[in-house]
């Protein structure tokens, strides 16, 4: 499953959507601001059961290695 994510240089996702595979569906895209970019990314198999709002909260973009990919967010200790 793929999503289109709008994210910043730190890998924080600002918005995401599931692109439609229907041939007559509207074509949606993001217009990134300075310091942002948008990419179509594969959702990790262990997170595919999540709804979009849950997915948004559970992932971030890992930019190491030059190719962005989604990874699970680590829980911060308080």
Protein backbone atom coordinates (compact mmCIF):
# COMPACT_ATOMS: atom_id res chain seq x y z
CA UNK A 1 0.00 0.00 0.00
CA UNK A 2 1.29 3.43 -0.89
CA UNK A 3 0.58 6.91 0.42
CA UNK A 4 1.54 10.36 -0.74
CA UNK A 5 3.17 12.26 2.11
CA UNK A 6 4.07 15.93 2.55
CA UNK A 7 7.02 16.16 4.92
CA UNK A 8 9.80 18.47 6.07
CA UNK A 9 13.59 18.15 6.34
CA UNK A 10 13.25 16.45 9.73
CA UNK A 11 10.94 13.76 8.35
CA UNK A 12 7.85 15.10 10.12
CA UNK A 13 4.72 14.43 8.06
CA UNK A 14 2.42 17.42 7.65
CA UNK A 15 -0.23 15.71 5.52
CA UNK A 16 -0.86 12.45 3.72
CA UNK A 17 -3.41 10.74 1.52
CA UNK A 18 -3.98 7.40 -0.17
CA UNK A 19 -3.84 7.88 -3.94
CA UNK A 20 -6.76 6.38 -5.84
CA UNK A 21 -6.21 3.60 -8.35
CA UNK A 22 -9.49 4.39 -10.13
CA UNK A 23 -8.85 5.63 -13.69
CA UNK A 24 -11.43 8.44 -13.49
CA UNK A 25 -10.52 9.62 -9.96
CA UNK A 26 -9.35 13.22 -9.54
CA UNK A 27 -5.58 13.65 -9.56
CA UNK A 28 -4.49 15.02 -6.20
CA UNK A 29 -1.07 16.33 -5.32
CA UNK A 30 0.68 18.52 -2.75
CA UNK A 31 2.40 21.82 -3.46
CA UNK A 32 5.30 21.76 -1.00
CA UNK A 33 6.45 24.98 0.62
CA UNK A 34 10.11 25.85 1.03
CA UNK A 35 11.77 23.16 3.17
CA UNK A 36 9.10 20.57 2.36
CA UNK A 37 8.73 17.85 -0.20
CA UNK A 38 6.11 15.34 -1.28
CA UNK A 39 6.75 11.72 -2.22
CA UNK A 40 4.79 8.53 -2.84
CA UNK A 41 5.98 6.09 -0.18
CA UNK A 42 5.33 2.46 0.68
CA UNK A 43 3.60 1.85 4.03
CA UNK A 44 5.44 -0.74 6.15
CA UNK A 45 3.51 -4.02 6.25
CA UNK A 46 3.11 -3.92 10.05
CA UNK A 47 1.28 -0.56 9.79
CA UNK A 48 -1.06 -1.24 6.86
CA UNK A 49 -4.03 -1.93 9.14
CA UNK A 50 -4.06 1.69 10.41
CA UNK A 51 -6.56 4.28 9.23
CA UNK A 52 -5.10 7.51 7.72
CA UNK A 53 -5.31 9.53 10.97
CA UNK A 54 -3.68 6.74 12.93
CA UNK A 55 -1.02 6.27 10.27
CA UNK A 56 -0.22 9.98 10.29
CA UNK A 57 0.46 9.80 14.04
CA UNK A 58 2.39 6.51 13.85
CA UNK A 59 4.98 7.19 11.13
CA UNK A 60 7.65 9.60 10.03
CA UNK A 61 9.89 9.76 6.98
CA UNK A 62 13.42 8.45 7.30
CA UNK A 63 15.66 10.47 4.97
CA UNK A 64 18.91 8.62 5.67
CA UNK A 65 20.48 6.92 2.69
CA UNK A 66 19.12 9.42 0.18
CA UNK A 67 15.86 7.56 -0.51
CA UNK A 68 12.96 8.57 1.75
CA UNK A 69 10.93 5.79 3.34
CA UNK A 70 8.33 5.51 6.09
CA UNK A 71 9.30 4.21 9.51
CA UNK A 72 7.37 3.80 12.73
CA UNK A 73 7.69 6.73 15.12
CA UNK A 74 9.44 5.88 18.36
CA UNK A 75 7.65 6.74 21.54
CA UNK A 76 9.44 9.48 23.45
CA UNK A 77 10.05 8.97 27.16
CA UNK A 78 8.63 11.67 29.43
